[in-house]
Amino acid sequence: MSTSDTPRTYHHGNLPAVLRQAAWDIVAEAGVRGMSLRECARRANVSHAAPAHHFGSLQNLLAEVVADGYERMADTILAAQQELDDTLLGCGIGYVNFAQTYPEHFRLMYGAGVNRTLPRLLESGERTLQVLRQSIRHAWTAKHGSEPDPAVLEQRTFLAWSTAHGYASLTIDRKTDKPPIPSAESIFQLLTRSVLTP
């Protein structure tokens, strides 16, 4: 057996996490088109078979990257909420901050070529959406003295999400600077009033 074929021990038994980080870095540098199981293995300094052994397919590995993206997005939103001391405004600003910091990951998270049935992806995506949903529920209750009707809460959650997503997409994908885009804070302040109006 050649040296290159010899099994090696890596990273204190945490190889899946190392492979996920390698995949995250590749997407950041080259986008999803630069991503392959072989390149991921090369970055992690492991055998070419290692990513397929742990994740099964490129689509599954990309799903893990998306799950990591949702977790980082939730952290970014929570940080913005704390910084602004405003949970609803923080949701929008945090969402946009994530998209601007990780544009390739943001595109991947809402694009094709990913195994959307991966349990970890579904759970992390729902947890991130739940941050927005709970923020609206608390703000509504504080303003009106009672919780919103579940159908209203879901409607307002998707109103806020679609607005934040559209704004974030414009900031990373628009090919012209005219007309200038209003500040995120000004847009989300208007949105907050709409979301909390019965």
N, C-alpha and C. Protein backbone atom coordinates (compact mmCIF):
# COMPACT_ATOMS: atom_id res chain seq x y z
N MET A 1 0.85 -1.20 0.00
CA MET A 1 0.00 0.00 0.00
C MET A 1 0.88 1.24 0.00
N SER A 2 0.60 2.17 -0.88
CA SER A 2 1.39 3.39 -0.97
C SER A 2 1.06 4.31 0.20
N THR A 3 1.94 5.27 0.41
CA THR A 3 1.72 6.23 1.50
C THR A 3 0.43 6.99 1.30
N SER A 4 0.13 7.35 0.04
CA SER A 4 -1.06 8.15 -0.22
C SER A 4 -2.34 7.37 0.04
N ASP A 5 -2.25 6.01 0.01
CA ASP A 5 -3.42 5.19 0.24
C ASP A 5 -3.58 4.77 1.69
N THR A 6 -2.59 5.08 2.50
CA THR A 6 -2.62 4.64 3.89
C THR A 6 -3.66 5.42 4.68
N PRO A 7 -4.58 4.72 5.38
CA PRO A 7 -5.55 5.44 6.21
C PRO A 7 -4.84 6.27 7.27
N ARG A 8 -5.38 7.43 7.54
CA ARG A 8 -4.76 8.33 8.51
C ARG A 8 -5.79 8.77 9.55
N THR A 9 -5.32 9.13 10.71
CA THR A 9 -6.20 9.60 11.78
C THR A 9 -6.12 11.11 11.83
N TYR A 10 -7.28 11.78 11.87
CA TYR A 10 -7.31 13.23 11.76
C TYR A 10 -8.15 13.84 12.85
N HIS A 11 -7.75 14.98 13.30
CA HIS A 11 -8.62 15.95 13.95
C HIS A 11 -9.38 15.39 15.14
N HIS A 12 -8.73 14.49 15.87
CA HIS A 12 -9.30 14.00 17.12
C HIS A 12 -10.69 13.42 16.93
N GLY A 13 -10.90 12.71 15.85
CA GLY A 13 -12.18 12.05 15.63
C GLY A 13 -13.30 12.96 15.19
N ASN A 14 -12.99 14.20 14.85
CA ASN A 14 -14.03 15.14 14.47
C ASN A 14 -13.97 15.44 12.97
N LEU A 15 -13.73 14.41 12.19
CA LEU A 15 -13.56 14.61 10.75
C LEU A 15 -14.79 15.19 10.06
N PRO A 16 -16.02 14.76 10.39
CA PRO A 16 -17.17 15.38 9.73
C PRO A 16 -17.22 16.89 9.89
N ALA A 17 -16.90 17.38 11.08
CA ALA A 17 -16.90 18.83 11.29
C ALA A 17 -15.80 19.51 10.48
N VAL A 18 -14.66 18.85 10.37
CA VAL A 18 -13.55 19.41 9.58
C VAL A 18 -13.93 19.46 8.10
N LEU A 19 -14.59 18.42 7.62
CA LEU A 19 -15.04 18.41 6.23
C LEU A 19 -16.10 19.48 5.98
N ARG A 20 -16.99 19.67 6.94
CA ARG A 20 -18.00 20.72 6.79
C ARG A 20 -17.35 22.09 6.74
N GLN A 21 -16.32 22.30 7.56
CA GLN A 21 -15.63 23.59 7.53
C GLN A 21 -14.90 23.78 6.22
N ALA A 22 -14.29 22.71 5.71
CA ALA A 22 -13.62 22.81 4.41
C ALA A 22 -14.63 23.16 3.32
N ALA A 23 -15.80 22.53 3.37
CA ALA A 23 -16.85 22.83 2.39
C ALA A 23 -17.32 24.27 2.53
N TRP A 24 -17.47 24.74 3.76
CA TRP A 24 -17.87 26.13 4.00
C TRP A 24 -16.87 27.09 3.37
N ASP A 25 -15.58 26.80 3.56
CA ASP A 25 -14.53 27.68 3.03
C ASP A 25 -14.52 27.68 1.50
N ILE A 26 -14.75 26.51 0.90
CA ILE A 26 -14.77 26.43 -0.56
C ILE A 26 -15.91 27.26 -1.12
N VAL A 27 -17.09 27.13 -0.53
CA VAL A 27 -18.24 27.91 -1.00
C VAL A 27 -17.95 29.40 -0.87
N ALA A 28 -17.31 29.81 0.23
CA ALA A 28 -16.99 31.22 0.43
C ALA A 28 -16.06 31.74 -0.65
N GLU A 29 -15.10 30.92 -1.05
CA GLU A 29 -14.06 31.38 -1.98
C GLU A 29 -14.45 31.20 -3.45
N ALA A 30 -15.17 30.13 -3.75
CA ALA A 30 -15.42 29.79 -5.16
C ALA A 30 -16.89 29.61 -5.49
N GLY A 31 -17.76 29.75 -4.52
CA GLY A 31 -19.17 29.51 -4.77
C GLY A 31 -19.46 28.03 -4.88
N VAL A 32 -20.73 27.70 -5.05
CA VAL A 32 -21.11 26.30 -5.11
C VAL A 32 -20.51 25.61 -6.34
N ARG A 33 -20.23 26.36 -7.41
CA ARG A 33 -19.65 25.75 -8.61
C ARG A 33 -18.24 25.25 -8.37
N GLY A 34 -17.57 25.80 -7.38
CA GLY A 34 -16.22 25.34 -7.07
C GLY A 34 -16.18 24.18 -6.11
N MET A 35 -17.34 23.72 -5.70
CA MET A 35 -17.44 22.69 -4.67
C MET A 35 -17.48 21.29 -5.28
N SER A 36 -16.66 20.40 -4.75
CA SER A 36 -16.70 18.99 -5.12
C SER A 36 -16.22 18.19 -3.93
N LEU A 37 -16.58 16.91 -3.89
CA LEU A 37 -16.12 16.06 -2.79
C LEU A 37 -14.60 15.94 -2.82
N ARG A 38 -14.04 15.86 -4.01
CA ARG A 38 -12.58 15.73 -4.13
C ARG A 38 -11.87 16.99 -3.60
N GLU A 39 -12.38 18.16 -3.95
CA GLU A 39 -11.76 19.40 -3.47
C GLU A 39 -11.91 19.52 -1.96
N CYS A 40 -13.05 19.09 -1.45
CA CYS A 40 -13.25 19.12 0.00
C CYS A 40 -12.24 18.21 0.70
N ALA A 41 -12.04 17.03 0.15
CA ALA A 41 -11.06 16.10 0.73
C ALA A 41 -9.66 16.69 0.68
N ARG A 42 -9.32 17.33 -0.44
CA ARG A 42 -7.99 17.94 -0.56
C ARG A 42 -7.80 19.02 0.48
N ARG A 43 -8.82 19.86 0.68
CA ARG A 43 -8.72 20.93 1.67
C ARG A 43 -8.54 20.38 3.08
N ALA A 44 -9.24 19.28 3.35
CA ALA A 44 -9.18 18.69 4.69
C ALA A 44 -7.98 17.77 4.88
N ASN A 45 -7.23 17.54 3.79
CA ASN A 45 -6.05 16.68 3.82
C ASN A 45 -6.41 15.25 4.22
N VAL A 46 -7.46 14.74 3.59
CA VAL A 46 -7.89 13.36 3.85
C VAL A 46 -8.04 12.63 2.52
N SER A 47 -8.33 11.35 2.58
CA SER A 47 -8.49 10.56 1.36
C SER A 47 -9.69 11.07 0.57
N HIS A 48 -9.66 10.85 -0.74
CA HIS A 48 -10.74 11.31 -1.60
C HIS A 48 -12.07 10.66 -1.25
N ALA A 49 -12.01 9.49 -0.62
CA ALA A 49 -13.24 8.78 -0.29
C ALA A 49 -13.89 9.28 1.00
N ALA A 50 -13.17 10.05 1.79
CA ALA A 50 -13.67 10.43 3.12
C ALA A 50 -14.98 11.22 3.08
N PRO A 51 -15.12 12.26 2.25
CA PRO A 51 -16.39 13.00 2.25
C PRO A 51 -17.58 12.13 1.88
N ALA A 52 -17.42 11.27 0.87
CA ALA A 52 -18.53 10.39 0.48
C ALA A 52 -18.83 9.39 1.59
N HIS A 53 -17.80 8.94 2.28
CA HIS A 53 -18.02 8.00 3.39
C HIS A 53 -18.87 8.63 4.48
N HIS A 54 -18.61 9.88 4.80
CA HIS A 54 -19.32 10.54 5.90
C HIS A 54 -20.66 11.13 5.49
N PHE A 55 -20.77 11.62 4.25
CA PHE A 55 -21.97 12.36 3.85
C PHE A 55 -22.76 11.70 2.72
N GLY A 56 -22.15 10.76 2.02
CA GLY A 56 -22.87 10.02 0.99
C GLY A 56 -22.85 10.65 -0.39
N SER A 57 -23.02 11.95 -0.46
CA SER A 57 -23.08 12.62 -1.76
C SER A 57 -22.75 14.09 -1.60
N LEU A 58 -22.47 14.74 -2.72
CA LEU A 58 -22.22 16.18 -2.70
C LEU A 58 -23.46 16.93 -2.23
N GLN A 59 -24.64 16.48 -2.66
CA GLN A 59 -25.88 17.15 -2.25
C GLN A 59 -26.07 17.09 -0.74
N ASN A 60 -25.68 15.98 -0.14
CA ASN A 60 -25.80 15.87 1.32
C ASN A 60 -24.78 16.77 2.03
N LEU A 61 -23.57 16.85 1.49
CA LEU A 61 -22.57 17.73 2.09
C LEU A 61 -23.00 19.19 1.97
N LEU A 62 -23.55 19.56 0.82
CA LEU A 62 -24.05 20.92 0.66
C LEU A 62 -25.20 21.20 1.62
N ALA A 63 -26.01 20.18 1.88
CA ALA A 63 -27.09 20.35 2.86
C ALA A 63 -26.53 20.63 4.24
N GLU A 64 -25.41 20.01 4.57
CA GLU A 64 -24.76 20.29 5.86
C GLU A 64 -24.25 21.73 5.90
N VAL A 65 -23.72 22.21 4.78
CA VAL A 65 -23.26 23.60 4.71
C VAL A 65 -24.45 24.55 4.90
N VAL A 66 -25.58 24.22 4.28
CA VAL A 66 -26.78 25.04 4.45
C VAL A 66 -27.23 25.04 5.91
N ALA A 67 -27.19 23.87 6.55
CA ALA A 67 -27.56 23.81 7.97
C ALA A 67 -26.64 24.68 8.80
N ASP A 68 -25.34 24.62 8.51
CA ASP A 68 -24.39 25.50 9.20
C ASP A 68 -24.74 26.96 8.93
N GLY A 69 -25.17 27.25 7.71
CA GLY A 69 -25.55 28.62 7.37
C GLY A 69 -26.72 29.11 8.19
N TYR A 70 -27.73 28.27 8.35
CA TYR A 70 -28.88 28.68 9.17
C TYR A 70 -28.47 28.92 10.62
N GLU A 71 -27.57 28.09 11.13
CA GLU A 71 -27.12 28.28 12.50
C GLU A 71 -26.35 29.60 12.65
N ARG A 72 -25.50 29.90 11.68
CA ARG A 72 -24.76 31.16 11.73
C ARG A 72 -25.68 32.35 11.51
N MET A 73 -26.69 32.17 10.66
CA MET A 73 -27.66 33.24 10.46
C MET A 73 -28.40 33.55 11.75
N ALA A 74 -28.83 32.51 12.46
CA ALA A 74 -29.52 32.72 13.73
C ALA A 74 -28.63 33.46 14.72
N ASP A 75 -27.36 33.08 14.77
CA ASP A 75 -26.42 33.77 15.67
C ASP A 75 -26.26 35.24 15.27
N THR A 76 -26.21 35.51 13.97
CA THR A 76 -26.07 36.89 13.48
C THR A 76 -27.30 37.71 13.83
N ILE A 77 -28.47 37.11 13.70
CA ILE A 77 -29.71 37.81 14.05
C ILE A 77 -29.76 38.11 15.54
N LEU A 78 -29.41 37.13 16.36
CA LEU A 78 -29.43 37.35 17.81
C LEU A 78 -28.44 38.44 18.22
N ALA A 79 -27.28 38.46 17.56
CA ALA A 79 -26.29 39.50 17.86
C ALA A 79 -26.83 40.88 17.49
N ALA A 80 -27.51 40.99 16.35
CA ALA A 80 -28.09 42.27 15.93
C ALA A 80 -29.21 42.70 16.88
N GLN A 81 -29.99 41.76 17.34
CA GLN A 81 -31.05 42.09 18.29
C GLN A 81 -30.47 42.67 19.58
N GLN A 82 -29.40 42.07 20.05
CA GLN A 82 -28.77 42.56 21.28
C GLN A 82 -28.14 43.93 21.06
N GLU A 83 -27.47 44.09 19.93
CA GLU A 83 -26.80 45.36 19.64
C GLU A 83 -27.79 46.51 19.50
N LEU A 84 -28.91 46.24 18.84
CA LEU A 84 -29.91 47.29 18.58
C LEU A 84 -30.92 47.42 19.70
N ASP A 85 -30.97 46.42 20.59
CA ASP A 85 -31.98 46.38 21.65
C ASP A 85 -33.38 46.50 21.07
N ASP A 86 -33.58 45.83 19.94
CA ASP A 86 -34.87 45.84 19.24
C ASP A 86 -34.98 44.51 18.51
N THR A 87 -35.87 43.64 18.99
CA THR A 87 -35.90 42.29 18.45
C THR A 87 -36.36 42.25 16.99
N LEU A 88 -37.37 43.03 16.65
CA LEU A 88 -37.86 42.99 15.27
C LEU A 88 -36.88 43.63 14.29
N LEU A 89 -36.40 44.80 14.63
CA LEU A 89 -35.42 45.46 13.77
C LEU A 89 -34.17 44.59 13.65
N GLY A 90 -33.79 43.96 14.75
CA GLY A 90 -32.62 43.09 14.74
C GLY A 90 -32.76 41.90 13.82
N CYS A 91 -33.99 41.38 13.69
CA CYS A 91 -34.22 40.27 12.76
C CYS A 91 -33.87 40.68 11.34
N GLY A 92 -34.37 41.82 10.91
CA GLY A 92 -34.11 42.27 9.55
C GLY A 92 -32.66 42.63 9.32
N ILE A 93 -32.09 43.40 10.25
CA ILE A 93 -30.70 43.82 10.10
C ILE A 93 -29.77 42.61 10.16
N GLY A 94 -30.04 41.69 11.07
CA GLY A 94 -29.22 40.49 11.18
C GLY A 94 -29.27 39.64 9.93
N TYR A 95 -30.45 39.52 9.35
CA TYR A 95 -30.62 38.75 8.12
C TYR A 95 -29.79 39.35 6.99
N VAL A 96 -29.86 40.66 6.85
CA VAL A 96 -29.10 41.35 5.81
C VAL A 96 -27.60 41.27 6.10
N ASN A 97 -27.22 41.44 7.35
CA ASN A 97 -25.80 41.33 7.71
C ASN A 97 -25.23 39.98 7.31
N PHE A 98 -26.01 38.92 7.58
CA PHE A 98 -25.54 37.58 7.21
C PHE A 98 -25.36 37.47 5.70
N ALA A 99 -26.35 37.93 4.94
CA ALA A 99 -26.28 37.83 3.48
C ALA A 99 -25.08 38.60 2.93
N GLN A 100 -24.80 39.76 3.50
CA GLN A 100 -23.69 40.56 3.01
C GLN A 100 -22.34 39.99 3.43
N THR A 101 -22.30 39.31 4.57
CA THR A 101 -21.05 38.70 5.04
C THR A 101 -20.78 37.38 4.33
N TYR A 102 -21.82 36.62 4.06
CA TYR A 102 -21.69 35.30 3.44
C TYR A 102 -22.59 35.20 2.19
N PRO A 103 -22.33 36.00 1.16
CA PRO A 103 -23.24 36.01 0.01
C PRO A 103 -23.35 34.68 -0.71
N GLU A 104 -22.25 33.96 -0.86
CA GLU A 104 -22.31 32.68 -1.57
C GLU A 104 -23.10 31.66 -0.78
N HIS A 105 -22.95 31.67 0.53
CA HIS A 105 -23.72 30.74 1.37
C HIS A 105 -25.20 31.11 1.35
N PHE A 106 -25.48 32.40 1.37
CA PHE A 106 -26.87 32.86 1.32
C PHE A 106 -27.54 32.38 0.04
N ARG A 107 -26.84 32.49 -1.09
CA ARG A 107 -27.41 32.02 -2.36
C ARG A 107 -27.63 30.51 -2.32
N LEU A 108 -26.65 29.79 -1.77
CA LEU A 108 -26.78 28.33 -1.67
C LEU A 108 -27.96 27.93 -0.81
N MET A 109 -28.18 28.65 0.28
CA MET A 109 -29.25 28.30 1.22
C MET A 109 -30.63 28.33 0.58
N TYR A 110 -30.78 29.14 -0.45
CA TYR A 110 -32.09 29.26 -1.10
C TYR A 110 -32.04 28.83 -2.56
N GLY A 111 -30.98 28.10 -2.92
CA GLY A 111 -30.82 27.65 -4.29
C GLY A 111 -31.11 26.17 -4.46
N ALA A 112 -30.73 25.64 -5.62
CA ALA A 112 -30.97 24.25 -5.97
C ALA A 112 -29.72 23.41 -5.69
N GLY A 113 -29.85 22.09 -5.89
CA GLY A 113 -28.71 21.19 -5.77
C GLY A 113 -28.38 20.77 -4.37
N VAL A 114 -29.34 20.92 -3.45
CA VAL A 114 -29.12 20.59 -2.04
C VAL A 114 -30.18 19.58 -1.61
N ASN A 115 -29.79 18.62 -0.80
CA ASN A 115 -30.75 17.65 -0.25
C ASN A 115 -31.57 18.33 0.85
N ARG A 116 -32.76 18.77 0.52
CA ARG A 116 -33.59 19.52 1.46
C ARG A 116 -34.29 18.63 2.48
N THR A 117 -34.09 17.31 2.40
CA THR A 117 -34.72 16.40 3.36
C THR A 117 -33.81 16.09 4.54
N LEU A 118 -32.59 16.59 4.53
CA LEU A 118 -31.66 16.32 5.63
C LEU A 118 -32.24 16.84 6.94
N PRO A 119 -32.42 15.97 7.95
CA PRO A 119 -33.05 16.41 9.21
C PRO A 119 -32.37 17.62 9.84
N ARG A 120 -31.05 17.64 9.84
CA ARG A 120 -30.35 18.77 10.47
C ARG A 120 -30.64 20.07 9.74
N LEU A 121 -30.75 20.03 8.43
CA LEU A 121 -31.09 21.23 7.67
C LEU A 121 -32.50 21.70 8.02
N LEU A 122 -33.43 20.78 8.05
CA LEU A 122 -34.82 21.13 8.37
C LEU A 122 -34.92 21.74 9.77
N GLU A 123 -34.21 21.14 10.72
CA GLU A 123 -34.27 21.62 12.10
C GLU A 123 -33.63 23.00 12.24
N SER A 124 -32.47 23.19 11.63
CA SER A 124 -31.79 24.49 11.77
C SER A 124 -32.55 25.58 11.04
N GLY A 125 -33.14 25.25 9.90
CA GLY A 125 -33.94 26.23 9.18
C GLY A 125 -35.17 26.65 9.97
N GLU A 126 -35.82 25.69 10.59
CA GLU A 126 -37.01 25.99 11.39
C GLU A 126 -36.64 26.78 12.64
N ARG A 127 -35.51 26.45 13.26
CA ARG A 127 -35.07 27.21 14.45
C ARG A 127 -34.81 28.67 14.09
N THR A 128 -34.21 28.91 12.93
CA THR A 128 -33.95 30.28 12.51
C THR A 128 -35.24 31.03 12.25
N LEU A 129 -36.18 30.39 11.57
CA LEU A 129 -37.48 31.02 11.33
C LEU A 129 -38.21 31.27 12.64
N GLN A 130 -38.01 30.37 13.60
CA GLN A 130 -38.67 30.52 14.89
C GLN A 130 -38.18 31.75 15.65
N VAL A 131 -36.93 32.14 15.43
CA VAL A 131 -36.43 33.38 16.04
C VAL A 131 -37.29 34.55 15.59
N LEU A 132 -37.57 34.63 14.29
CA LEU A 132 -38.41 35.70 13.75
C LEU A 132 -39.84 35.57 14.28
N ARG A 133 -40.37 34.37 14.23
CA ARG A 133 -41.76 34.15 14.66
C ARG A 133 -41.96 34.57 16.12
N GLN A 134 -41.04 34.16 16.98
CA GLN A 134 -41.15 34.49 18.40
C GLN A 134 -40.95 35.99 18.64
N SER A 135 -40.08 36.60 17.86
CA SER A 135 -39.87 38.04 18.00
C SER A 135 -41.14 38.81 17.66
N ILE A 136 -41.82 38.40 16.61
CA ILE A 136 -43.09 39.04 16.25
C ILE A 136 -44.14 38.79 17.32
N ARG A 137 -44.21 37.56 17.81
CA ARG A 137 -45.20 37.25 18.84
C ARG A 137 -45.00 38.13 20.08
N HIS A 138 -43.76 38.24 20.54
CA HIS A 138 -43.49 39.04 21.75
C HIS A 138 -43.78 40.51 21.51
N ALA A 139 -43.38 41.03 20.34
CA ALA A 139 -43.62 42.45 20.05
C ALA A 139 -45.11 42.73 19.93
N TRP A 140 -45.84 41.84 19.31
CA TRP A 140 -47.29 42.00 19.16
C TRP A 140 -47.96 41.99 20.53
N THR A 141 -47.58 41.04 21.38
CA THR A 141 -48.17 40.94 22.71
C THR A 141 -47.86 42.17 23.54
N ALA A 142 -46.63 42.67 23.44
CA ALA A 142 -46.26 43.87 24.19
C ALA A 142 -47.06 45.08 23.73
N LYS A 143 -47.38 45.16 22.45
CA LYS A 143 -48.10 46.32 21.92
C LYS A 143 -49.60 46.22 22.13
N HIS A 144 -50.16 45.01 21.99
CA HIS A 144 -51.62 44.87 21.98
C HIS A 144 -52.18 44.20 23.24
N GLY A 145 -51.31 43.66 24.08
CA GLY A 145 -51.78 43.05 25.32
C GLY A 145 -52.28 41.63 25.18
N SER A 146 -52.22 41.07 24.00
CA SER A 146 -52.62 39.68 23.78
C SER A 146 -51.85 39.13 22.60
N GLU A 147 -51.75 37.81 22.53
CA GLU A 147 -51.00 37.19 21.43
C GLU A 147 -51.78 37.30 20.12
N PRO A 148 -51.07 37.34 19.01
CA PRO A 148 -51.77 37.37 17.72
C PRO A 148 -52.43 36.04 17.41
N ASP A 149 -53.46 36.08 16.62
CA ASP A 149 -54.06 34.86 16.11
C ASP A 149 -52.99 34.07 15.35
N PRO A 150 -52.96 32.74 15.47
CA PRO A 150 -51.91 31.96 14.79
C PRO A 150 -51.80 32.24 13.29
N ALA A 151 -52.94 32.41 12.63
CA ALA A 151 -52.90 32.69 11.19
C ALA A 151 -52.28 34.06 10.91
N VAL A 152 -52.59 35.03 11.76
CA VAL A 152 -52.01 36.37 11.62
C VAL A 152 -50.51 36.31 11.88
N LEU A 153 -50.12 35.57 12.91
CA LEU A 153 -48.69 35.45 13.23
C LEU A 153 -47.93 34.85 12.06
N GLU A 154 -48.49 33.81 11.45
CA GLU A 154 -47.79 33.18 10.33
C GLU A 154 -47.74 34.13 9.13
N GLN A 155 -48.81 34.85 8.89
CA GLN A 155 -48.82 35.81 7.78
C GLN A 155 -47.76 36.88 7.99
N ARG A 156 -47.69 37.43 9.20
CA ARG A 156 -46.74 38.51 9.47
C ARG A 156 -45.30 37.99 9.46
N THR A 157 -45.13 36.74 9.89
CA THR A 157 -43.79 36.14 9.85
C THR A 157 -43.29 36.07 8.41
N PHE A 158 -44.16 35.64 7.49
CA PHE A 158 -43.73 35.53 6.10
C PHE A 158 -43.65 36.88 5.41
N LEU A 159 -44.44 37.84 5.86
CA LEU A 159 -44.29 39.21 5.36
C LEU A 159 -42.90 39.74 5.71
N ALA A 160 -42.51 39.57 6.97
CA ALA A 160 -41.20 40.06 7.41
C ALA A 160 -40.07 39.31 6.72
N TRP A 161 -40.20 37.99 6.62
CA TRP A 161 -39.15 37.18 6.00
C TRP A 161 -38.97 37.56 4.53
N SER A 162 -40.08 37.65 3.80
CA SER A 162 -39.97 37.95 2.37
C SER A 162 -39.40 39.34 2.12
N THR A 163 -39.73 40.29 2.98
CA THR A 163 -39.17 41.63 2.83
C THR A 163 -37.67 41.62 3.11
N ALA A 164 -37.28 40.97 4.20
CA ALA A 164 -35.85 40.90 4.53
C ALA A 164 -35.08 40.16 3.44
N HIS A 165 -35.67 39.09 2.93
CA HIS A 165 -34.99 38.30 1.91
C HIS A 165 -34.84 39.10 0.61
N GLY A 166 -35.90 39.79 0.23
CA GLY A 166 -35.82 40.61 -0.97
C GLY A 166 -34.79 41.71 -0.86
N TYR A 167 -34.76 42.37 0.29
CA TYR A 167 -33.79 43.45 0.50
C TYR A 167 -32.37 42.88 0.47
N ALA A 168 -32.16 41.77 1.19
CA ALA A 168 -30.83 41.17 1.23
C ALA A 168 -30.38 40.75 -0.16
N SER A 169 -31.28 40.15 -0.93
CA SER A 169 -30.93 39.71 -2.29
C SER A 169 -30.55 40.89 -3.17
N LEU A 170 -31.27 41.99 -3.04
CA LEU A 170 -30.94 43.19 -3.81
C LEU A 170 -29.54 43.69 -3.47
N THR A 171 -29.20 43.69 -2.20
CA THR A 171 -27.91 44.26 -1.80
C THR A 171 -26.74 43.43 -2.28
N ILE A 172 -26.93 42.12 -2.49
CA ILE A 172 -25.79 41.30 -2.92
C ILE A 172 -25.80 40.98 -4.41
N ASP A 173 -26.94 41.13 -5.08
CA ASP A 173 -27.02 40.70 -6.47
C ASP A 173 -27.34 41.80 -7.48
N ARG A 174 -27.74 42.97 -7.02
CA ARG A 174 -28.09 44.03 -7.96
C ARG A 174 -26.85 44.51 -8.70
N LYS A 175 -26.97 44.72 -10.00
CA LYS A 175 -25.82 45.06 -10.85
C LYS A 175 -25.65 46.56 -11.06
N THR A 176 -26.51 47.37 -10.47
CA THR A 176 -26.41 48.82 -10.62
C THR A 176 -26.66 49.47 -9.27
N ASP A 177 -26.17 50.68 -9.11
CA ASP A 177 -26.40 51.40 -7.86
C ASP A 177 -27.43 52.51 -8.03
N LYS A 178 -28.18 52.47 -9.14
CA LYS A 178 -29.21 53.48 -9.37
C LYS A 178 -30.54 52.80 -9.68
N PRO A 179 -31.62 53.19 -9.02
CA PRO A 179 -31.63 54.18 -7.93
C PRO A 179 -30.97 53.59 -6.68
N PRO A 180 -30.46 54.45 -5.81
CA PRO A 180 -29.84 53.96 -4.58
C PRO A 180 -30.85 53.24 -3.70
N ILE A 181 -30.39 52.21 -3.01
CA ILE A 181 -31.26 51.46 -2.11
C ILE A 181 -31.34 52.19 -0.78
N PRO A 182 -32.54 52.43 -0.25
CA PRO A 182 -32.65 53.05 1.08
C PRO A 182 -31.98 52.17 2.13
N SER A 183 -31.64 52.76 3.24
CA SER A 183 -30.97 52.00 4.29
C SER A 183 -31.85 50.87 4.80
N ALA A 184 -31.20 49.80 5.23
CA ALA A 184 -31.95 48.66 5.78
C ALA A 184 -32.77 49.08 6.98
N GLU A 185 -32.20 49.92 7.82
CA GLU A 185 -32.91 50.34 9.03
C GLU A 185 -34.20 51.08 8.68
N SER A 186 -34.16 51.94 7.67
CA SER A 186 -35.37 52.68 7.30
C SER A 186 -36.44 51.75 6.75
N ILE A 187 -36.04 50.75 5.98
CA ILE A 187 -37.00 49.79 5.43
C ILE A 187 -37.63 48.96 6.54
N PHE A 188 -36.81 48.48 7.46
CA PHE A 188 -37.32 47.57 8.49
C PHE A 188 -38.09 48.31 9.58
N GLN A 189 -37.83 49.58 9.76
CA GLN A 189 -38.68 50.36 10.67
C GLN A 189 -40.09 50.48 10.12
N LEU A 190 -40.21 50.72 8.81
CA LEU A 190 -41.53 50.73 8.17
C LEU A 190 -42.18 49.35 8.25
N LEU A 191 -41.39 48.33 8.02
CA LEU A 191 -41.91 46.97 8.06
C LEU A 191 -42.44 46.63 9.45
N THR A 192 -41.73 47.04 10.48
CA THR A 192 -42.16 46.74 11.84
C THR A 192 -43.54 47.31 12.11
N ARG A 193 -43.79 48.52 11.66
CA ARG A 193 -45.11 49.11 11.86
C ARG A 193 -46.19 48.31 11.14
N SER A 194 -45.89 47.86 9.94
CA SER A 194 -46.87 47.06 9.19
C SER A 194 -47.11 45.71 9.85
N VAL A 195 -46.05 45.08 10.29
CA VAL A 195 -46.16 43.76 10.91
C VAL A 195 -47.02 43.80 12.16
N LEU A 196 -46.93 44.89 12.91
CA LEU A 196 -47.64 44.98 14.19
C LEU A 196 -49.00 45.66 14.09
N THR A 197 -49.43 45.99 12.88
CA THR A 197 -50.75 46.59 12.70
C THR A 197 -51.80 45.49 12.56
N PRO A 198 -52.86 45.52 13.37
CA PRO A 198 -53.90 44.46 13.32
C PRO A 198 -54.56 44.39 11.94
